[in-house]
Amino acid sequence: MANVTRSRPLSPHLQVYKPIPTMVMSIVHRITGAALYFGTVLVAWWLIAAASGEAYFSWVSWFFGTLIGRLVLFGYTWALMHHMLGGLRHFMWDMGHGYEKHFNTKLAIATPIASVALTVLIWVVGYLAR
């Protein structure tokens, strides 16, 4: 008897499924979680610089004030907002709400829009408070 499953993959993967908003948001949620590890290193670097003295803190502050530094901080802010909103989606599911397909899809589409809007709002408020 021939093994008809030999040429097929052992388990489904991204090449098999058509991407849908909830799947994409799940993947992005994992990516932003990993990015937050890197961002935490940046926060630790800033705190260590603050404790190390004025000269080192001034240098780190200068770096974060450059275009590259601001882009990194903007990306970190977006990753934080996106991951937080994804976490709130998961919390809602944990509470037993939001399982309807159409609502779930709308929420998945709203997550990146809201995360970008929150990020821009945080940066605008930050610049205005400066």
N, C-alpha and C. Protein backbone atom coordinates (compact mmCIF):
# COMPACT_ATOMS: atom_id res chain seq x y z
N MET A 1 0.85 -1.17 0.00
CA MET A 1 0.00 0.00 0.00
C MET A 1 0.90 1.24 0.00
N ALA A 2 0.61 2.17 -0.88
CA ALA A 2 1.42 3.38 -1.03
C ALA A 2 1.06 4.40 0.04
N ASN A 3 2.07 5.15 0.49
CA ASN A 3 1.85 6.22 1.47
C ASN A 3 1.50 7.49 0.71
N VAL A 4 0.22 7.86 0.70
CA VAL A 4 -0.23 9.03 -0.06
C VAL A 4 0.07 10.34 0.67
N THR A 5 0.41 10.28 1.94
CA THR A 5 0.68 11.51 2.69
C THR A 5 2.16 11.89 2.68
N ARG A 6 3.00 11.07 2.05
CA ARG A 6 4.44 11.31 2.10
C ARG A 6 4.82 12.65 1.48
N SER A 7 4.16 13.10 0.43
CA SER A 7 4.54 14.34 -0.23
C SER A 7 3.90 15.57 0.42
N ARG A 8 3.01 15.36 1.35
CA ARG A 8 2.36 16.49 2.02
C ARG A 8 3.12 16.84 3.30
N PRO A 9 3.02 18.12 3.73
CA PRO A 9 3.69 18.49 4.98
C PRO A 9 3.05 17.78 6.17
N LEU A 10 3.84 17.57 7.23
CA LEU A 10 3.34 16.88 8.40
C LEU A 10 2.32 17.74 9.16
N SER A 11 2.50 19.04 9.12
CA SER A 11 1.54 19.92 9.79
C SER A 11 1.34 21.16 8.93
N PRO A 12 0.17 21.78 9.03
CA PRO A 12 -0.08 22.97 8.21
C PRO A 12 0.85 24.12 8.62
N HIS A 13 1.15 24.98 7.70
CA HIS A 13 2.00 26.13 7.96
C HIS A 13 1.51 27.30 7.12
N LEU A 14 2.23 28.41 7.13
CA LEU A 14 1.77 29.64 6.49
C LEU A 14 1.57 29.51 4.99
N GLN A 15 2.27 28.58 4.36
CA GLN A 15 2.10 28.41 2.92
C GLN A 15 0.78 27.72 2.58
N VAL A 16 0.14 27.11 3.57
CA VAL A 16 -1.10 26.39 3.32
C VAL A 16 -2.31 27.30 3.53
N TYR A 17 -2.26 28.16 4.53
CA TYR A 17 -3.40 28.98 4.89
C TYR A 17 -3.39 30.32 4.17
N LYS A 18 -4.59 30.82 3.88
CA LYS A 18 -4.74 32.17 3.36
C LYS A 18 -4.70 33.12 4.56
N PRO A 19 -3.82 34.14 4.53
CA PRO A 19 -3.75 35.04 5.68
C PRO A 19 -5.07 35.79 5.91
N ILE A 20 -5.52 35.77 7.14
CA ILE A 20 -6.71 36.53 7.53
C ILE A 20 -6.29 37.49 8.63
N PRO A 21 -7.06 38.54 8.87
CA PRO A 21 -6.63 39.56 9.85
C PRO A 21 -6.29 39.00 11.23
N THR A 22 -7.05 38.06 11.74
CA THR A 22 -6.76 37.54 13.07
C THR A 22 -5.44 36.77 13.09
N MET A 23 -5.13 36.06 12.01
CA MET A 23 -3.87 35.32 11.94
C MET A 23 -2.71 36.30 11.86
N VAL A 24 -2.84 37.34 11.04
CA VAL A 24 -1.77 38.32 10.90
C VAL A 24 -1.54 39.03 12.23
N MET A 25 -2.62 39.38 12.94
CA MET A 25 -2.47 40.05 14.23
C MET A 25 -1.82 39.14 15.26
N SER A 26 -2.07 37.86 15.18
CA SER A 26 -1.42 36.92 16.08
C SER A 26 0.09 36.90 15.84
N ILE A 27 0.47 36.90 14.57
CA ILE A 27 1.89 36.89 14.22
C ILE A 27 2.54 38.21 14.65
N VAL A 28 1.87 39.33 14.37
CA VAL A 28 2.43 40.64 14.74
C VAL A 28 2.51 40.77 16.26
N HIS A 29 1.54 40.19 16.97
CA HIS A 29 1.58 40.23 18.44
C HIS A 29 2.83 39.53 18.96
N ARG A 30 3.17 38.42 18.37
CA ARG A 30 4.39 37.70 18.77
C ARG A 30 5.65 38.50 18.43
N ILE A 31 5.65 39.14 17.25
CA ILE A 31 6.80 39.94 16.83
C ILE A 31 6.98 41.14 17.75
N THR A 32 5.87 41.82 18.09
CA THR A 32 5.98 42.98 18.98
C THR A 32 6.42 42.55 20.38
N GLY A 33 6.01 41.37 20.81
CA GLY A 33 6.47 40.86 22.10
C GLY A 33 7.98 40.68 22.11
N ALA A 34 8.52 40.15 21.01
CA ALA A 34 9.97 40.00 20.91
C ALA A 34 10.66 41.36 20.82
N ALA A 35 10.05 42.31 20.11
CA ALA A 35 10.62 43.65 19.99
C ALA A 35 10.66 44.35 21.35
N LEU A 36 9.70 44.04 22.21
CA LEU A 36 9.67 44.67 23.53
C LEU A 36 10.85 44.22 24.39
N TYR A 37 11.39 43.04 24.14
CA TYR A 37 12.60 42.62 24.84
C TYR A 37 13.74 43.57 24.51
N PHE A 38 13.89 43.89 23.23
CA PHE A 38 14.93 44.84 22.81
C PHE A 38 14.66 46.21 23.41
N GLY A 39 13.42 46.65 23.42
CA GLY A 39 13.08 47.94 24.00
C GLY A 39 13.37 48.01 25.49
N THR A 40 13.21 46.90 26.17
CA THR A 40 13.52 46.87 27.60
C THR A 40 15.02 47.07 27.83
N VAL A 41 15.84 46.56 26.92
CA VAL A 41 17.28 46.80 27.00
C VAL A 41 17.55 48.30 26.84
N LEU A 42 16.82 48.97 25.96
CA LEU A 42 16.99 50.42 25.80
C LEU A 42 16.61 51.17 27.07
N VAL A 43 15.52 50.77 27.71
CA VAL A 43 15.11 51.41 28.96
C VAL A 43 16.17 51.19 30.03
N ALA A 44 16.68 49.97 30.11
CA ALA A 44 17.74 49.67 31.08
C ALA A 44 18.98 50.50 30.78
N TRP A 45 19.33 50.64 29.52
CA TRP A 45 20.49 51.44 29.12
C TRP A 45 20.32 52.89 29.58
N TRP A 46 19.12 53.43 29.38
CA TRP A 46 18.83 54.81 29.80
C TRP A 46 18.93 54.95 31.32
N LEU A 47 18.40 53.98 32.06
CA LEU A 47 18.47 54.04 33.52
C LEU A 47 19.90 53.90 34.03
N ILE A 48 20.66 53.00 33.42
CA ILE A 48 22.06 52.84 33.81
C ILE A 48 22.83 54.12 33.51
N ALA A 49 22.54 54.74 32.38
CA ALA A 49 23.20 56.01 32.04
C ALA A 49 22.86 57.09 33.05
N ALA A 50 21.61 57.12 33.48
CA ALA A 50 21.19 58.12 34.48
C ALA A 50 21.92 57.90 35.80
N ALA A 51 22.18 56.66 36.13
CA ALA A 51 22.87 56.35 37.40
C ALA A 51 24.38 56.47 37.28
N SER A 52 24.90 56.50 36.05
CA SER A 52 26.35 56.49 35.85
C SER A 52 26.98 57.88 35.89
N GLY A 53 26.20 58.89 35.68
CA GLY A 53 26.76 60.24 35.72
C GLY A 53 26.26 61.09 34.58
N GLU A 54 26.53 62.37 34.73
CA GLU A 54 25.99 63.36 33.79
C GLU A 54 26.55 63.19 32.37
N ALA A 55 27.82 62.90 32.24
CA ALA A 55 28.44 62.80 30.91
C ALA A 55 27.85 61.64 30.11
N TYR A 56 27.76 60.47 30.73
CA TYR A 56 27.22 59.30 30.01
C TYR A 56 25.73 59.49 29.74
N PHE A 57 25.00 60.06 30.69
CA PHE A 57 23.57 60.30 30.48
C PHE A 57 23.36 61.29 29.34
N SER A 58 24.20 62.30 29.25
CA SER A 58 24.10 63.28 28.16
C SER A 58 24.34 62.61 26.81
N TRP A 59 25.31 61.68 26.77
CA TRP A 59 25.58 60.97 25.52
C TRP A 59 24.40 60.09 25.11
N VAL A 60 23.84 59.35 26.06
CA VAL A 60 22.69 58.49 25.75
C VAL A 60 21.49 59.35 25.34
N SER A 61 21.28 60.45 26.03
CA SER A 61 20.18 61.36 25.66
C SER A 61 20.40 61.93 24.26
N TRP A 62 21.67 62.25 23.95
CA TRP A 62 21.97 62.72 22.59
C TRP A 62 21.61 61.66 21.57
N PHE A 63 22.00 60.40 21.84
CA PHE A 63 21.70 59.32 20.89
C PHE A 63 20.19 59.17 20.68
N PHE A 64 19.43 59.19 21.76
CA PHE A 64 17.98 59.05 21.63
C PHE A 64 17.36 60.26 20.94
N GLY A 65 18.06 61.38 20.91
CA GLY A 65 17.57 62.57 20.23
C GLY A 65 17.89 62.62 18.76
N THR A 66 18.77 61.73 18.27
CA THR A 66 19.08 61.69 16.84
C THR A 66 17.90 61.10 16.08
N LEU A 67 17.95 61.23 14.76
CA LEU A 67 16.87 60.69 13.92
C LEU A 67 16.73 59.18 14.12
N ILE A 68 17.85 58.47 14.13
CA ILE A 68 17.81 57.02 14.32
C ILE A 68 17.25 56.68 15.71
N GLY A 69 17.73 57.40 16.72
CA GLY A 69 17.23 57.17 18.08
C GLY A 69 15.74 57.41 18.20
N ARG A 70 15.27 58.46 17.58
CA ARG A 70 13.83 58.76 17.64
C ARG A 70 13.01 57.73 16.88
N LEU A 71 13.53 57.27 15.75
CA LEU A 71 12.83 56.21 15.01
C LEU A 71 12.74 54.93 15.84
N VAL A 72 13.83 54.59 16.53
CA VAL A 72 13.83 53.40 17.38
C VAL A 72 12.82 53.58 18.52
N LEU A 73 12.81 54.75 19.15
CA LEU A 73 11.86 55.01 20.23
C LEU A 73 10.42 55.04 19.73
N PHE A 74 10.21 55.57 18.52
CA PHE A 74 8.87 55.57 17.94
C PHE A 74 8.42 54.13 17.68
N GLY A 75 9.32 53.30 17.13
CA GLY A 75 8.99 51.89 16.90
C GLY A 75 8.72 51.15 18.20
N TYR A 76 9.50 51.47 19.23
CA TYR A 76 9.28 50.85 20.54
C TYR A 76 7.91 51.26 21.09
N THR A 77 7.55 52.53 20.95
CA THR A 77 6.24 53.00 21.42
C THR A 77 5.13 52.29 20.67
N TRP A 78 5.30 52.16 19.33
CA TRP A 78 4.27 51.46 18.57
C TRP A 78 4.17 49.99 18.99
N ALA A 79 5.30 49.33 19.16
CA ALA A 79 5.29 47.92 19.58
C ALA A 79 4.59 47.78 20.93
N LEU A 80 4.86 48.72 21.83
CA LEU A 80 4.22 48.67 23.15
C LEU A 80 2.71 48.85 23.03
N MET A 81 2.27 49.80 22.23
CA MET A 81 0.83 50.04 22.08
C MET A 81 0.15 48.87 21.37
N HIS A 82 0.79 48.37 20.33
CA HIS A 82 0.20 47.25 19.58
C HIS A 82 0.10 46.00 20.46
N HIS A 83 1.15 45.73 21.20
CA HIS A 83 1.15 44.55 22.06
C HIS A 83 0.13 44.70 23.19
N MET A 84 -0.01 45.92 23.71
CA MET A 84 -1.01 46.16 24.76
C MET A 84 -2.42 45.94 24.23
N LEU A 85 -2.72 46.46 23.04
CA LEU A 85 -4.05 46.27 22.47
C LEU A 85 -4.31 44.80 22.15
N GLY A 86 -3.29 44.10 21.67
CA GLY A 86 -3.43 42.66 21.44
C GLY A 86 -3.67 41.92 22.74
N GLY A 87 -2.99 42.35 23.80
CA GLY A 87 -3.20 41.75 25.11
C GLY A 87 -4.62 42.00 25.62
N LEU A 88 -5.15 43.19 25.36
CA LEU A 88 -6.54 43.47 25.75
C LEU A 88 -7.53 42.62 24.97
N ARG A 89 -7.22 42.37 23.69
CA ARG A 89 -8.06 41.45 22.90
C ARG A 89 -8.06 40.06 23.53
N HIS A 90 -6.87 39.59 23.91
CA HIS A 90 -6.77 38.26 24.54
C HIS A 90 -7.47 38.25 25.90
N PHE A 91 -7.37 39.31 26.65
CA PHE A 91 -8.05 39.40 27.93
C PHE A 91 -9.56 39.33 27.74
N MET A 92 -10.06 40.01 26.71
CA MET A 92 -11.49 39.97 26.42
C MET A 92 -11.91 38.53 26.09
N TRP A 93 -11.10 37.83 25.32
CA TRP A 93 -11.41 36.44 25.00
C TRP A 93 -11.36 35.57 26.25
N ASP A 94 -10.40 35.84 27.13
CA ASP A 94 -10.31 35.08 28.37
C ASP A 94 -11.56 35.26 29.22
N MET A 95 -12.19 36.42 29.10
CA MET A 95 -13.43 36.68 29.84
C MET A 95 -14.66 36.10 29.13
N GLY A 96 -14.45 35.49 27.95
CA GLY A 96 -15.54 34.83 27.24
C GLY A 96 -16.29 35.72 26.27
N HIS A 97 -15.70 36.84 25.86
CA HIS A 97 -16.38 37.76 24.95
C HIS A 97 -15.61 37.90 23.65
N GLY A 98 -16.31 38.29 22.58
CA GLY A 98 -15.67 38.63 21.32
C GLY A 98 -15.31 37.47 20.43
N TYR A 99 -15.96 36.35 20.58
CA TYR A 99 -15.65 35.19 19.73
C TYR A 99 -16.36 35.20 18.38
N GLU A 100 -17.32 36.12 18.21
CA GLU A 100 -18.05 36.16 16.94
C GLU A 100 -17.08 36.50 15.81
N LYS A 101 -17.19 35.78 14.70
CA LYS A 101 -16.21 35.90 13.62
C LYS A 101 -16.11 37.33 13.09
N HIS A 102 -17.23 37.96 12.79
CA HIS A 102 -17.18 39.30 12.19
C HIS A 102 -16.65 40.34 13.18
N PHE A 103 -17.05 40.24 14.45
CA PHE A 103 -16.54 41.16 15.46
C PHE A 103 -15.05 40.96 15.66
N ASN A 104 -14.64 39.71 15.71
CA ASN A 104 -13.23 39.38 15.90
C ASN A 104 -12.38 39.92 14.75
N THR A 105 -12.87 39.81 13.53
CA THR A 105 -12.16 40.32 12.36
C THR A 105 -12.08 41.84 12.41
N LYS A 106 -13.18 42.50 12.78
CA LYS A 106 -13.17 43.97 12.88
C LYS A 106 -12.19 44.42 13.95
N LEU A 107 -12.14 43.71 15.05
CA LEU A 107 -11.21 44.05 16.13
C LEU A 107 -9.77 43.86 15.67
N ALA A 108 -9.51 42.81 14.91
CA ALA A 108 -8.17 42.56 14.39
C ALA A 108 -7.75 43.66 13.42
N ILE A 109 -8.68 44.16 12.63
CA ILE A 109 -8.38 45.25 11.70
C ILE A 109 -8.19 46.57 12.45
N ALA A 110 -8.96 46.75 13.53
CA ALA A 110 -8.87 48.00 14.30
C ALA A 110 -7.59 48.07 15.13
N THR A 111 -7.01 46.94 15.48
CA THR A 111 -5.83 46.93 16.35
C THR A 111 -4.65 47.71 15.76
N PRO A 112 -4.22 47.47 14.52
CA PRO A 112 -3.09 48.26 14.01
C PRO A 112 -3.44 49.74 13.82
N ILE A 113 -4.68 50.01 13.46
CA ILE A 113 -5.10 51.41 13.29
C ILE A 113 -5.04 52.13 14.64
N ALA A 114 -5.59 51.50 15.67
CA ALA A 114 -5.59 52.11 17.00
C ALA A 114 -4.18 52.21 17.56
N SER A 115 -3.34 51.22 17.28
CA SER A 115 -1.97 51.29 17.82
C SER A 115 -1.18 52.42 17.18
N VAL A 116 -1.35 52.64 15.90
CA VAL A 116 -0.68 53.76 15.23
C VAL A 116 -1.24 55.09 15.76
N ALA A 117 -2.56 55.18 15.91
CA ALA A 117 -3.17 56.41 16.42
C ALA A 117 -2.70 56.72 17.83
N LEU A 118 -2.65 55.71 18.70
CA LEU A 118 -2.18 55.92 20.06
C LEU A 118 -0.70 56.33 20.09
N THR A 119 0.09 55.72 19.24
CA THR A 119 1.52 56.05 19.17
C THR A 119 1.70 57.51 18.76
N VAL A 120 1.00 57.93 17.72
CA VAL A 120 1.10 59.31 17.26
C VAL A 120 0.60 60.26 18.35
N LEU A 121 -0.49 59.90 19.01
CA LEU A 121 -1.02 60.74 20.09
C LEU A 121 -0.01 60.89 21.22
N ILE A 122 0.62 59.80 21.61
CA ILE A 122 1.63 59.85 22.69
C ILE A 122 2.78 60.77 22.29
N TRP A 123 3.24 60.66 21.05
CA TRP A 123 4.37 61.48 20.60
C TRP A 123 3.97 62.95 20.47
N VAL A 124 2.77 63.22 20.00
CA VAL A 124 2.32 64.61 19.90
C VAL A 124 2.21 65.21 21.29
N VAL A 125 1.60 64.51 22.22
CA VAL A 125 1.49 65.01 23.60
C VAL A 125 2.88 65.19 24.20
N GLY A 126 3.79 64.26 23.92
CA GLY A 126 5.15 64.38 24.43
C GLY A 126 5.86 65.62 23.91
N TYR A 127 5.69 65.90 22.62
CA TYR A 127 6.33 67.09 22.05
C TYR A 127 5.67 68.37 22.55
N LEU A 128 4.35 68.36 22.73
CA LEU A 128 3.66 69.54 23.23
C LEU A 128 4.01 69.82 24.69
N ALA A 129 4.23 68.77 25.47
CA ALA A 129 4.57 68.93 26.89
C ALA A 129 6.02 69.39 27.06
N ARG A 130 6.80 69.21 26.04
CA ARG A 130 8.21 69.57 26.07
C ARG A 130 8.33 71.04 26.10
